[in-house]
Amino acid sequence: MTVNTWEINVDLYGVDRKMNTNRDLSIAKSKRLDEFYTKMEDIEAELKYYRKHFERKKIFCNCDDPSYSNFWIYFKQNFNFINLKQLISTHYDREKPSYSLKFLEGMNISEDNPIRTNLEQNGDFRSPEAIRILEDSDIVVTNPPFSLFREYVAQLVKYNKKFIILGHINAVTYKEIFPLIKENKIWLGQSIHSGDREFIIPRKYRGILKNAKTDESGISTVRIKGVRWFTNLDISKRHEKLILYKHYNPEEYPKYDNYDAINVDKVADIPCDYDGVMGVPITFLDKYNPEQFEILGDSRYHDESDVANDINVLHGKILYRRLLIRRIQ
């Protein structure tokens, strides 16, 4: 199991109503619950699309405990199959110095123990020791804390690192993250397009999270809506064109009261013959092909300023957050 040290601190402003129905996110946020464990099946479902990127690379899992991280287990089991050069993971300890574990090419992965190095600091991804490992690594694969997502991504960008990380789709609306989406420096991963994902939780959460379930073996889980993979590695999905079948008419696609763009309530309803600006749900990013569409902005921060100004007003009512897009001719 992979520990996900998410202190669920998600700003739910502007997320579509269907996503807001996940009460456990709000409960986890208010009670500062931070232990969610990623299932191997979700890791496998995503990472299989990146094998060509992993070959002869140094992989760093910097928000995972290597003693039980499924990310660590996945790369250890597939070290030779995907021809890795190095695998390293740092253990985080809230109160005392920690350690890292490492495998190198040439080691017998099935028989040799990983190289253990004692750290002088606690393994926090922001610590100087962790940053030195980051600088020497090629690709970061992990699930960083939701509450530190902005800071975590900023570090990856600062050090020009390739990555595959888990986050909440609402992160695309953060003013620190959205410019990276707009400039095609970050995009959503391949395997999660909608719905929710199941995470393993500690037993102590069972009486707190309303939708928690426990199976016959005593393992407790909870489903979290809106989880997505974020990456800057090229994947096939980014080159698949969205099939458009609906035609524009002003009655079905009214313009906003205060902005020259039409409103589109569902990604599937994007008209095939409208060349102007369209406001679409943020889940559009699940289908986004930069060769087919251009992202112009979003409905809250739609210009160069940092001042919030909602433009997705229709018949006097502010709609849920929208992305502003235009078809590429």
C-alpha atoms as a PDB file:
ATOM      1  CA  MET A   1       0.000   0.000   0.000  1.00  0.00           C
ATOM      2  CA  THR A   2       1.151   3.522  -0.729  1.00  0.00           C
ATOM      3  CA  VAL A   3       0.706   6.038   2.008  1.00  0.00           C
ATOM      4  CA  ASN A   4      -0.818   9.191   0.661  1.00  0.00           C
ATOM      5  CA  THR A   5      -0.073  11.860   3.239  1.00  0.00           C
ATOM      6  CA  TRP A   6      -2.859  14.049   1.959  1.00  0.00           C
ATOM      7  CA  GLU A   7      -4.117  16.564   4.438  1.00  0.00           C
ATOM      8  CA  ILE A   8      -7.326  16.997   2.477  1.00  0.00           C
ATOM      9  CA  ASN A   9      -7.407  20.751   2.098  1.00  0.00           C
ATOM     10  CA  VAL A  10      -9.249  21.199  -1.157  1.00  0.00           C
ATOM     11  CA  ASP A  11     -10.929  24.412  -2.244  1.00  0.00           C
ATOM     12  CA  LEU A  12     -14.152  23.102  -3.755  1.00  0.00           C
ATOM     13  CA  TYR A  13     -15.131  26.438  -5.285  1.00  0.00           C
ATOM     14  CA  GLY A  14     -16.235  26.022  -8.840  1.00  0.00           C
ATOM     15  CA  VAL A  15     -16.210  22.219  -9.038  1.00  0.00           C
ATOM     16  CA  ASP A  16     -19.233  20.765 -10.827  1.00  0.00           C
ATOM     17  CA  ARG A  17     -22.086  19.767  -8.527  1.00  0.00           C
ATOM     18  CA  LYS A  18     -21.625  16.052  -9.172  1.00  0.00           C
ATOM     19  CA  MET A  19     -18.113  16.289  -7.776  1.00  0.00           C
ATOM     20  CA  ASN A  20     -19.258  18.254  -4.752  1.00  0.00           C
ATOM     21  CA  THR A  21     -21.380  15.312  -3.613  1.00  0.00           C
ATOM     22  CA  ASN A  22     -18.319  13.677  -2.053  1.00  0.00           C
ATOM     23  CA  ARG A  23     -18.920  14.596   1.558  1.00  0.00           C
ATOM     24  CA  ASP A  24     -15.927  12.609   2.764  1.00  0.00           C
ATOM     25  CA  LEU A  25     -13.581  15.165   1.203  1.00  0.00           C
ATOM     26  CA  SER A  26     -15.124  17.869   3.355  1.00  0.00           C
ATOM     27  CA  ILE A  27     -15.043  15.648   6.436  1.00  0.00           C
ATOM     28  CA  ALA A  28     -11.393  14.759   5.847  1.00  0.00           C
ATOM     29  CA  LYS A  29     -10.572  18.419   5.359  1.00  0.00           C
ATOM     30  CA  SER A  30     -12.263  19.573   8.549  1.00  0.00           C
ATOM     31  CA  LYS A  31     -10.728  16.811  10.662  1.00  0.00           C
ATOM     32  CA  ARG A  32      -7.335  16.983   8.906  1.00  0.00           C
ATOM     33  CA  LEU A  33      -7.219  13.280   8.107  1.00  0.00           C
ATOM     34  CA  ASP A  34      -4.079  12.533   6.138  1.00  0.00           C
ATOM     35  CA  GLU A  35      -3.696   8.787   5.630  1.00  0.00           C
ATOM     36  CA  PHE A  36      -4.977   7.395   2.350  1.00  0.00           C
ATOM     37  CA  TYR A  37      -3.351   4.402   0.673  1.00  0.00           C
ATOM     38  CA  THR A  38      -3.250   4.021  -3.112  1.00  0.00           C
ATOM     39  CA  LYS A  39      -4.169   0.665  -4.548  1.00  0.00           C
ATOM     40  CA  MET A  40      -1.709  -1.144  -6.788  1.00  0.00           C
ATOM     41  CA  GLU A  41      -4.351  -1.597  -9.480  1.00  0.00           C
ATOM     42  CA  ASP A  42      -4.600   2.178  -9.951  1.00  0.00           C
ATOM     43  CA  ILE A  43      -0.835   2.548 -10.146  1.00  0.00           C
ATOM     44  CA  GLU A  44      -0.545  -0.256 -12.683  1.00  0.00           C
ATOM     45  CA  ALA A  45      -3.424   1.130 -14.751  1.00  0.00           C
ATOM     46  CA  GLU A  46      -1.605   4.443 -15.213  1.00  0.00           C
ATOM     47  CA  LEU A  47       2.084   3.605 -15.293  1.00  0.00           C
ATOM     48  CA  LYS A  48       1.761   1.054 -18.093  1.00  0.00           C
ATOM     49  CA  TYR A  49       1.447   3.985 -20.496  1.00  0.00           C
ATOM     50  CA  TYR A  50       4.890   5.374 -19.622  1.00  0.00           C
ATOM     51  CA  ARG A  51       7.220   2.414 -20.034  1.00  0.00           C
ATOM     52  CA  LYS A  52       9.080   3.997 -22.938  1.00  0.00           C
ATOM     53  CA  HIS A  53       9.731   7.044 -20.733  1.00  0.00           C
ATOM     54  CA  PHE A  54      11.103   4.951 -17.857  1.00  0.00           C
ATOM     55  CA  GLU A  55      13.796   3.133 -19.821  1.00  0.00           C
ATOM     56  CA  ARG A  56      17.293   3.917 -18.495  1.00  0.00           C
ATOM     57  CA  LYS A  57      15.919   6.556 -16.134  1.00  0.00           C
ATOM     58  CA  LYS A  58      16.385   7.367 -12.442  1.00  0.00           C
ATOM     59  CA  ILE A  59      13.004   7.190 -10.682  1.00  0.00           C
ATOM     60  CA  PHE A  60      12.414   9.081  -7.453  1.00  0.00           C
ATOM     61  CA  CYS A  61       9.413   8.486  -5.151  1.00  0.00           C
ATOM     62  CA  ASN A  62       9.758  11.360  -2.719  1.00  0.00           C
ATOM     63  CA  CYS A  63       6.408  11.222  -0.900  1.00  0.00           C
ATOM     64  CA  ASP A  64       6.301   7.479  -0.234  1.00  0.00           C
ATOM     65  CA  ASP A  65       7.413   5.236   2.570  1.00  0.00           C
ATOM     66  CA  PRO A  66       9.510   2.549   0.827  1.00  0.00           C
ATOM     67  CA  SER A  67       8.647  -0.002   3.501  1.00  0.00           C
ATOM     68  CA  TYR A  68       5.076  -0.289   2.159  1.00  0.00           C
ATOM     69  CA  SER A  69       4.731   2.032  -0.837  1.00  0.00           C
ATOM     70  CA  ASN A  70       2.989   0.507  -3.814  1.00  0.00           C
ATOM     71  CA  PHE A  71       4.943   2.860  -6.047  1.00  0.00           C
ATOM     72  CA  TRP A  72       8.170   1.413  -4.648  1.00  0.00           C
ATOM     73  CA  ILE A  73       6.837  -2.133  -5.004  1.00  0.00           C
ATOM     74  CA  TYR A  74       5.743  -1.511  -8.596  1.00  0.00           C
ATOM     75  CA  PHE A  75       9.130  -0.188  -9.709  1.00  0.00           C
ATOM     76  CA  LYS A  76      11.029  -2.822  -7.727  1.00  0.00           C
ATOM     77  CA  GLN A  77       9.052  -5.639  -9.337  1.00  0.00           C
ATOM     78  CA  ASN A  78       9.422  -4.117 -12.811  1.00  0.00           C
ATOM     79  CA  PHE A  79      12.969  -2.757 -12.440  1.00  0.00           C
ATOM     80  CA  ASN A  80      14.518  -5.022 -15.057  1.00  0.00           C
ATOM     81  CA  PHE A  81      11.435  -5.302 -17.254  1.00  0.00           C
ATOM     82  CA  ILE A  82      11.331  -1.546 -17.884  1.00  0.00           C
ATOM     83  CA  ASN A  83      15.125  -1.304 -17.765  1.00  0.00           C
ATOM     84  CA  LEU A  84      15.496   1.264 -15.010  1.00  0.00           C
ATOM     85  CA  LYS A  85      18.821   2.823 -14.145  1.00  0.00           C
ATOM     86  CA  GLN A  86      17.954   3.679 -10.541  1.00  0.00           C
ATOM     87  CA  LEU A  87      15.047   3.606  -8.098  1.00  0.00           C
ATOM     88  CA  ILE A  88      15.115   5.649  -4.913  1.00  0.00           C
ATOM     89  CA  SER A  89      12.510   6.458  -2.288  1.00  0.00           C
ATOM     90  CA  THR A  90      12.700   8.588   0.836  1.00  0.00           C
ATOM     91  CA  HIS A  91      10.866   7.788   4.049  1.00  0.00           C
ATOM     92  CA  TYR A  92       9.206  10.728   5.793  1.00  0.00           C
ATOM     93  CA  ASP A  93       9.234  10.987   9.569  1.00  0.00           C
ATOM     94  CA  ARG A  94       7.406  13.867  11.185  1.00  0.00           C
ATOM     95  CA  GLU A  95       9.702  14.124  14.198  1.00  0.00           C
ATOM     96  CA  LYS A  96      13.146  12.613  13.550  1.00  0.00           C
ATOM     97  CA  PRO A  97      15.819  11.938  10.906  1.00  0.00           C
ATOM     98  CA  SER A  98      14.793   9.362   8.354  1.00  0.00           C
ATOM     99  CA  TYR A  99      16.345   7.270   5.573  1.00  0.00           C
ATOM    100  CA  SER A 100      16.236   6.477   1.865  1.00  0.00           C
ATOM    101  CA  LEU A 101      16.266   3.164  -0.010  1.00  0.00           C
ATOM    102  CA  LYS A 102      17.831   2.691  -3.422  1.00  0.00           C
ATOM    103  CA  PHE A 103      18.255   0.079  -6.143  1.00  0.00           C
ATOM    104  CA  LEU A 104      20.851   0.475  -8.899  1.00  0.00           C
ATOM    105  CA  GLU A 105      21.272  -1.236 -12.240  1.00  0.00           C
ATOM    106  CA  GLY A 106      23.334  -4.406 -11.910  1.00  0.00           C
ATOM    107  CA  MET A 107      21.845  -5.323  -8.545  1.00  0.00           C
ATOM    108  CA  ASN A 108      19.914  -8.570  -8.188  1.00  0.00           C
ATOM    109  CA  ILE A 109      16.541  -7.032  -7.396  1.00  0.00           C
ATOM    110  CA  SER A 110      14.996 -10.313  -6.270  1.00  0.00           C
ATOM    111  CA  GLU A 111      17.819 -11.187  -3.860  1.00  0.00           C
ATOM    112  CA  ASP A 112      19.792  -8.062  -2.947  1.00  0.00           C
ATOM    113  CA  ASN A 113      18.573  -5.722  -0.258  1.00  0.00           C
ATOM    114  CA  PRO A 114      18.195  -2.092  -1.310  1.00  0.00           C
ATOM    115  CA  ILE A 115      20.929   0.343  -0.330  1.00  0.00           C
ATOM    116  CA  ARG A 116      19.840   2.126   2.825  1.00  0.00           C
ATOM    117  CA  THR A 117      21.155   5.608   3.539  1.00  0.00           C
ATOM    118  CA  ASN A 118      20.449   7.385   6.803  1.00  0.00           C
ATOM    119  CA  LEU A 119      19.323  10.963   6.332  1.00  0.00           C
ATOM    120  CA  GLU A 120      20.234  13.871   8.554  1.00  0.00           C
ATOM    121  CA  GLN A 121      16.758  15.343   8.018  1.00  0.00           C
ATOM    122  CA  ASN A 122      13.238  13.906   8.142  1.00  0.00           C
ATOM    123  CA  GLY A 123      12.707  13.064   4.452  1.00  0.00           C
ATOM    124  CA  ASP A 124      10.334  15.953   3.710  1.00  0.00           C
ATOM    125  CA  PHE A 125      10.376  16.589  -0.047  1.00  0.00           C
ATOM    126  CA  ARG A 126      11.339  20.205   0.704  1.00  0.00           C
ATOM    127  CA  SER A 127      14.413  19.290   2.747  1.00  0.00           C
ATOM    128  CA  PRO A 128      17.873  20.009   1.239  1.00  0.00           C
ATOM    129  CA  GLU A 129      18.698  16.273   1.208  1.00  0.00           C
ATOM    130  CA  ALA A 130      15.538  15.406  -0.706  1.00  0.00           C
ATOM    131  CA  ILE A 131      16.148  18.248  -3.142  1.00  0.00           C
ATOM    132  CA  ARG A 132      19.664  16.961  -3.873  1.00  0.00           C
ATOM    133  CA  ILE A 133      18.184  13.546  -4.710  1.00  0.00           C
ATOM    134  CA  LEU A 134      15.559  15.277  -6.843  1.00  0.00           C
ATOM    135  CA  GLU A 135      18.225  17.134  -8.802  1.00  0.00           C
ATOM    136  CA  ASP A 136      19.949  13.842  -9.608  1.00  0.00           C
ATOM    137  CA  SER A 137      16.717  12.098 -10.657  1.00  0.00           C
ATOM    138  CA  ASP A 138      14.974  11.971 -14.037  1.00  0.00           C
ATOM    139  CA  ILE A 139      11.315  11.246 -13.255  1.00  0.00           C
ATOM    140  CA  VAL A 140       9.306  11.704 -10.059  1.00  0.00           C
ATOM    141  CA  VAL A 141       6.382   9.343  -9.460  1.00  0.00           C
ATOM    142  CA  THR A 142       4.316   9.692  -6.290  1.00  0.00           C
ATOM    143  CA  ASN A 143       1.173  11.073  -4.671  1.00  0.00           C
ATOM    144  CA  PRO A 144       2.038  14.337  -2.908  1.00  0.00           C
ATOM    145  CA  PRO A 145      -0.055  15.921  -0.138  1.00  0.00           C
ATOM    146  CA  PHE A 146      -3.126  17.668  -1.502  1.00  0.00           C
ATOM    147  CA  SER A 147      -2.552  20.571   0.875  1.00  0.00           C
ATOM    148  CA  LEU A 148       0.939  21.104  -0.548  1.00  0.00           C
ATOM    149  CA  PHE A 149       0.094  20.468  -4.196  1.00  0.00           C
ATOM    150  CA  ARG A 150       0.895  24.012  -5.332  1.00  0.00           C
ATOM    151  CA  GLU A 151       4.239  24.027  -3.560  1.00  0.00           C
ATOM    152  CA  TYR A 152       5.065  20.512  -4.716  1.00  0.00           C
ATOM    153  CA  VAL A 153       4.407  21.254  -8.393  1.00  0.00           C
ATOM    154  CA  ALA A 154       6.308  24.535  -8.134  1.00  0.00           C
ATOM    155  CA  GLN A 155       9.354  22.584  -6.962  1.00  0.00           C
ATOM    156  CA  LEU A 156       9.120  20.141  -9.869  1.00  0.00           C
ATOM    157  CA  VAL A 157       8.866  23.028 -12.321  1.00  0.00           C
ATOM    158  CA  LYS A 158      11.747  24.877 -10.689  1.00  0.00           C
ATOM    159  CA  TYR A 159      14.044  21.883 -11.104  1.00  0.00           C
ATOM    160  CA  ASN A 160      12.680  21.043 -14.567  1.00  0.00           C
ATOM    161  CA  LYS A 161      11.649  17.500 -13.658  1.00  0.00           C
ATOM    162  CA  LYS A 162       9.442  15.039 -15.455  1.00  0.00           C
ATOM    163  CA  PHE A 163       6.710  13.607 -13.257  1.00  0.00           C
ATOM    164  CA  ILE A 164       3.584  11.491 -12.801  1.00  0.00           C
ATOM    165  CA  ILE A 165       1.687  12.472  -9.663  1.00  0.00           C
ATOM    166  CA  LEU A 166      -1.790  12.162  -8.150  1.00  0.00           C
ATOM    167  CA  GLY A 167      -3.940  15.149  -7.308  1.00  0.00           C
ATOM    168  CA  HIS A 168      -7.484  16.475  -7.327  1.00  0.00           C
ATOM    169  CA  ILE A 169      -8.916  17.799 -10.580  1.00  0.00           C
ATOM    170  CA  ASN A 170      -9.829  21.044  -8.856  1.00  0.00           C
ATOM    171  CA  ALA A 171      -6.099  21.799  -8.736  1.00  0.00           C
ATOM    172  CA  VAL A 172      -6.340  22.816 -12.389  1.00  0.00           C
ATOM    173  CA  THR A 173      -8.220  25.938 -11.271  1.00  0.00           C
ATOM    174  CA  TYR A 174      -5.499  27.093  -8.866  1.00  0.00           C
ATOM    175  CA  LYS A 175      -3.952  30.270 -10.196  1.00  0.00           C
ATOM    176  CA  GLU A 176      -0.505  28.748  -9.619  1.00  0.00           C
ATOM    177  CA  ILE A 177      -1.368  25.592 -11.592  1.00  0.00           C
ATOM    178  CA  PHE A 178      -3.685  26.804 -14.342  1.00  0.00           C
ATOM    179  CA  PRO A 179      -1.011  28.737 -16.298  1.00  0.00           C
ATOM    180  CA  LEU A 180       0.974  25.502 -16.530  1.00  0.00           C
ATOM    181  CA  ILE A 181      -2.116  23.743 -17.913  1.00  0.00           C
ATOM    182  CA  LYS A 182      -2.760  26.561 -20.359  1.00  0.00           C
ATOM    183  CA  GLU A 183       0.853  26.569 -21.590  1.00  0.00           C
ATOM    184  CA  ASN A 184       0.859  22.780 -22.022  1.00  0.00           C
ATOM    185  CA  LYS A 185       3.472  22.253 -19.344  1.00  0.00           C
ATOM    186  CA  ILE A 186       1.169  19.955 -17.327  1.00  0.00           C
ATOM    187  CA  TRP A 187      -1.749  17.789 -18.413  1.00  0.00           C
ATOM    188  CA  LEU A 188      -3.974  15.037 -17.047  1.00  0.00           C
ATOM    189  CA  GLY A 189      -2.917  11.401 -17.202  1.00  0.00           C
ATOM    190  CA  GLN A 190      -4.286   8.521 -19.215  1.00  0.00           C
ATOM    191  CA  SER A 191      -6.226   6.110 -17.016  1.00  0.00           C
ATOM    192  CA  ILE A 192      -8.663   8.199 -14.938  1.00  0.00           C
ATOM    193  CA  HIS A 193     -11.279  10.068 -16.942  1.00  0.00           C
ATOM    194  CA  SER A 194     -14.167  10.405 -14.516  1.00  0.00           C
ATOM    195  CA  GLY A 195     -15.758   8.959 -11.422  1.00  0.00           C
ATOM    196  CA  ASP A 196     -13.942   8.113  -8.226  1.00  0.00           C
ATOM    197  CA  ARG A 197     -11.133   5.928  -6.922  1.00  0.00           C
ATOM    198  CA  GLU A 198     -10.977   3.676  -3.891  1.00  0.00           C
ATOM    199  CA  PHE A 199      -8.328   4.248  -1.231  1.00  0.00           C
ATOM    200  CA  ILE A 200      -7.423   2.078   1.739  1.00  0.00           C
ATOM    201  CA  ILE A 201      -7.762   3.916   5.046  1.00  0.00           C
ATOM    202  CA  PRO A 202      -6.741   3.257   8.671  1.00  0.00           C
ATOM    203  CA  ARG A 203      -9.293   1.581  10.894  1.00  0.00           C
ATOM    204  CA  LYS A 204      -9.584   4.735  12.986  1.00  0.00           C
ATOM    205  CA  TYR A 205     -11.207   6.502  10.018  1.00  0.00           C
ATOM    206  CA  ARG A 206     -14.067   4.028   9.701  1.00  0.00           C
ATOM    207  CA  GLY A 207     -16.328   5.835  12.136  1.00  0.00           C
ATOM    208  CA  ILE A 208     -15.515   9.259  10.671  1.00  0.00           C
ATOM    209  CA  LEU A 209     -15.837   8.905   6.909  1.00  0.00           C
ATOM    210  CA  LYS A 210     -19.476   8.260   6.039  1.00  0.00           C
ATOM    211  CA  ASN A 211     -18.848   6.134   2.947  1.00  0.00           C
ATOM    212  CA  ALA A 212     -16.113   3.958   4.453  1.00  0.00           C
ATOM    213  CA  LYS A 213     -16.533   0.207   3.951  1.00  0.00           C
ATOM    214  CA  THR A 214     -14.766  -2.773   5.487  1.00  0.00           C
ATOM    215  CA  ASP A 215     -14.370  -6.097   3.699  1.00  0.00           C
ATOM    216  CA  GLU A 216     -14.284  -9.610   5.150  1.00  0.00           C
ATOM    217  CA  SER A 217     -10.525  -9.414   5.726  1.00  0.00           C
ATOM    218  CA  GLY A 218     -10.876  -6.256   7.803  1.00  0.00           C
ATOM    219  CA  ILE A 219      -9.479  -3.828   5.182  1.00  0.00           C
ATOM    220  CA  SER A 220     -11.289  -0.490   5.173  1.00  0.00           C
ATOM    221  CA  THR A 221     -11.678   1.633   2.065  1.00  0.00           C
ATOM    222  CA  VAL A 222     -13.334   4.843   0.945  1.00  0.00           C
ATOM    223  CA  ARG A 223     -14.060   6.223  -2.505  1.00  0.00           C
ATOM    224  CA  ILE A 224     -12.825   9.719  -3.334  1.00  0.00           C
ATOM    225  CA  LYS A 225     -14.246  11.669  -6.275  1.00  0.00           C
ATOM    226  CA  GLY A 226     -12.242  13.895  -8.589  1.00  0.00           C
ATOM    227  CA  VAL A 227      -8.838  12.195  -8.313  1.00  0.00           C
ATOM    228  CA  ARG A 228      -6.636  12.566 -11.397  1.00  0.00           C
ATOM    229  CA  TRP A 229      -3.103  11.841 -12.532  1.00  0.00           C
ATOM    230  CA  PHE A 230      -1.024  14.870 -13.514  1.00  0.00           C
ATOM    231  CA  THR A 231       2.029  14.561 -15.747  1.00  0.00           C
ATOM    232  CA  ASN A 232       4.302  16.312 -18.227  1.00  0.00           C
ATOM    233  CA  LEU A 233       5.245  13.128 -20.092  1.00  0.00           C
ATOM    234  CA  ASP A 234       3.688  12.615 -23.508  1.00  0.00           C
ATOM    235  CA  ILE A 235       0.910  10.025 -23.705  1.00  0.00           C
ATOM    236  CA  SER A 236      -1.272   8.796 -26.529  1.00  0.00           C
ATOM    237  CA  LYS A 237      -4.441  10.358 -25.117  1.00  0.00           C
ATOM    238  CA  ARG A 238      -3.138  13.840 -25.902  1.00  0.00           C
ATOM    239  CA  HIS A 239      -3.223  13.014 -29.602  1.00  0.00           C
ATOM    240  CA  GLU A 240      -6.731  11.534 -29.756  1.00  0.00           C
ATOM    241  CA  LYS A 241      -9.272  13.886 -31.273  1.00  0.00           C
ATOM    242  CA  LEU A 242     -12.534  14.479 -29.456  1.00  0.00           C
ATOM    243  CA  ILE A 243     -15.376  13.394 -31.729  1.00  0.00           C
ATOM    244  CA  LEU A 244     -17.850  16.259 -32.075  1.00  0.00           C
ATOM    245  CA  TYR A 245     -21.333  15.683 -33.446  1.00  0.00           C
ATOM    246  CA  LYS A 246     -23.546  18.538 -32.266  1.00  0.00           C
ATOM    247  CA  HIS A 247     -24.095  21.707 -34.293  1.00  0.00           C
ATOM    248  CA  TYR A 248     -24.205  25.229 -32.951  1.00  0.00           C
ATOM    249  CA  ASN A 249     -27.440  27.109 -32.484  1.00  0.00           C
ATOM    250  CA  PRO A 250     -27.855  30.222 -30.296  1.00  0.00           C
ATOM    251  CA  GLU A 251     -30.810  28.814 -28.385  1.00  0.00           C
ATOM    252  CA  GLU A 252     -28.921  25.787 -27.078  1.00  0.00           C
ATOM    253  CA  TYR A 253     -25.622  27.632 -26.612  1.00  0.00           C
ATOM    254  CA  PRO A 254     -26.355  31.072 -25.110  1.00  0.00           C
ATOM    255  CA  LYS A 255     -23.590  33.616 -24.589  1.00  0.00           C
ATOM    256  CA  TYR A 256     -22.573  34.762 -21.122  1.00  0.00           C
ATOM    257  CA  ASP A 257     -24.060  38.002 -19.874  1.00  0.00           C
ATOM    258  CA  ASN A 258     -20.686  39.668 -19.489  1.00  0.00           C
ATOM    259  CA  TYR A 259     -18.298  37.899 -21.873  1.00  0.00           C
ATOM    260  CA  ASP A 260     -18.236  37.023 -25.564  1.00  0.00           C
ATOM    261  CA  ALA A 261     -18.273  33.243 -25.220  1.00  0.00           C
ATOM    262  CA  ILE A 262     -20.958  30.587 -25.431  1.00  0.00           C
ATOM    263  CA  ASN A 263     -21.749  28.274 -22.537  1.00  0.00           C
ATOM    264  CA  VAL A 264     -21.380  24.508 -22.995  1.00  0.00           C
ATOM    265  CA  ASP A 265     -22.683  22.438 -20.074  1.00  0.00           C
ATOM    266  CA  LYS A 266     -21.208  19.079 -21.116  1.00  0.00           C
ATOM    267  CA  VAL A 267     -17.969  18.208 -22.873  1.00  0.00           C
ATOM    268  CA  ALA A 268     -19.872  15.852 -25.175  1.00  0.00           C
ATOM    269  CA  ASP A 269     -22.001  18.815 -26.320  1.00  0.00           C
ATOM    270  CA  ILE A 270     -19.145  20.949 -27.676  1.00  0.00           C
ATOM    271  CA  PRO A 271     -20.385  22.033 -31.115  1.00  0.00           C
ATOM    272  CA  CYS A 272     -18.386  20.902 -34.128  1.00  0.00           C
ATOM    273  CA  ASP A 273     -18.991  24.072 -36.140  1.00  0.00           C
ATOM    274  CA  TYR A 274     -18.451  26.958 -33.693  1.00  0.00           C
ATOM    275  CA  ASP A 275     -15.182  28.852 -34.120  1.00  0.00           C
ATOM    276  CA  GLY A 276     -15.506  31.321 -31.258  1.00  0.00           C
ATOM    277  CA  VAL A 277     -14.707  31.095 -27.565  1.00  0.00           C
ATOM    278  CA  MET A 278     -16.540  28.453 -25.516  1.00  0.00           C
ATOM    279  CA  GLY A 279     -16.867  27.993 -21.761  1.00  0.00           C
ATOM    280  CA  VAL A 280     -16.680  24.282 -20.903  1.00  0.00           C
ATOM    281  CA  PRO A 281     -16.501  22.249 -17.639  1.00  0.00           C
ATOM    282  CA  ILE A 282     -13.008  21.640 -16.238  1.00  0.00           C
ATOM    283  CA  THR A 283     -13.504  17.932 -16.955  1.00  0.00           C
ATOM    284  CA  PHE A 284     -12.809  18.933 -20.574  1.00  0.00           C
ATOM    285  CA  LEU A 285      -9.165  18.333 -19.663  1.00  0.00           C
ATOM    286  CA  ASP A 286      -9.846  14.594 -19.613  1.00  0.00           C
ATOM    287  CA  LYS A 287     -10.353  14.853 -23.399  1.00  0.00           C
ATOM    288  CA  TYR A 288      -8.015  17.744 -24.181  1.00  0.00           C
ATOM    289  CA  ASN A 289      -5.965  17.465 -27.355  1.00  0.00           C
ATOM    290  CA  PRO A 290      -3.721  20.538 -27.842  1.00  0.00           C
ATOM    291  CA  GLU A 291      -3.738  19.920 -31.585  1.00  0.00           C
ATOM    292  CA  GLN A 292      -7.549  20.280 -31.648  1.00  0.00           C
ATOM    293  CA  PHE A 293      -8.237  22.973 -29.057  1.00  0.00           C
ATOM    294  CA  GLU A 294      -6.550  26.002 -27.556  1.00  0.00           C
ATOM    295  CA  ILE A 295      -7.046  26.849 -23.880  1.00  0.00           C
ATOM    296  CA  LEU A 296      -7.475  30.604 -23.549  1.00  0.00           C
ATOM    297  CA  GLY A 297      -8.162  30.992 -19.856  1.00  0.00           C
ATOM    298  CA  ASP A 298     -10.705  30.160 -17.225  1.00  0.00           C
ATOM    299  CA  SER A 299     -13.846  31.890 -16.125  1.00  0.00           C
ATOM    300  CA  ARG A 300     -12.394  33.254 -12.907  1.00  0.00           C
ATOM    301  CA  TYR A 301      -8.844  34.250 -13.816  1.00  0.00           C
ATOM    302  CA  HIS A 302      -9.208  34.923 -17.518  1.00  0.00           C
ATOM    303  CA  ASP A 303      -6.740  37.745 -18.068  1.00  0.00           C
ATOM    304  CA  GLU A 304      -3.188  38.561 -17.051  1.00  0.00           C
ATOM    305  CA  SER A 305      -4.117  39.930 -13.620  1.00  0.00           C
ATOM    306  CA  ASP A 306      -4.419  38.019 -10.359  1.00  0.00           C
ATOM    307  CA  VAL A 307      -7.814  39.573  -9.620  1.00  0.00           C
ATOM    308  CA  ALA A 308     -10.741  37.149  -9.611  1.00  0.00           C
ATOM    309  CA  ASN A 309     -13.531  38.258 -11.913  1.00  0.00           C
ATOM    310  CA  ASP A 310     -16.240  35.729 -12.702  1.00  0.00           C
ATOM    311  CA  ILE A 311     -17.348  35.981 -16.315  1.00  0.00           C
ATOM    312  CA  ASN A 312     -19.424  32.793 -16.480  1.00  0.00           C
ATOM    313  CA  VAL A 313     -22.659  34.638 -15.696  1.00  0.00           C
ATOM    314  CA  LEU A 314     -25.745  33.420 -17.543  1.00  0.00           C
ATOM    315  CA  HIS A 315     -29.124  35.105 -17.091  1.00  0.00           C
ATOM    316  CA  GLY A 316     -27.783  36.772 -13.949  1.00  0.00           C
ATOM    317  CA  LYS A 317     -26.534  33.552 -12.353  1.00  0.00           C
ATOM    318  CA  ILE A 318     -22.879  32.600 -11.833  1.00  0.00           C
ATOM    319  CA  LEU A 319     -22.325  29.093 -13.184  1.00  0.00           C
ATOM    320  CA  TYR A 320     -19.783  26.571 -12.031  1.00  0.00           C
ATOM    321  CA  ARG A 321     -16.167  27.127 -13.000  1.00  0.00           C
ATOM    322  CA  ARG A 322     -15.479  26.967 -16.730  1.00  0.00           C
ATOM    323  CA  LEU A 323     -12.450  26.711 -18.990  1.00  0.00           C
ATOM    324  CA  LEU A 324     -12.356  29.021 -21.974  1.00  0.00           C
ATOM    325  CA  ILE A 325     -11.382  27.183 -25.148  1.00  0.00           C
ATOM    326  CA  ARG A 326     -11.414  27.609 -28.904  1.00  0.00           C
ATOM    327  CA  ARG A 327     -11.137  25.125 -31.742  1.00  0.00           C
ATOM    328  CA  ILE A 328      -7.901  25.214 -33.705  1.00  0.00           C
ATOM    329  CA  GLN A 329      -8.634  25.811 -37.373  1.00  0.00           C
END
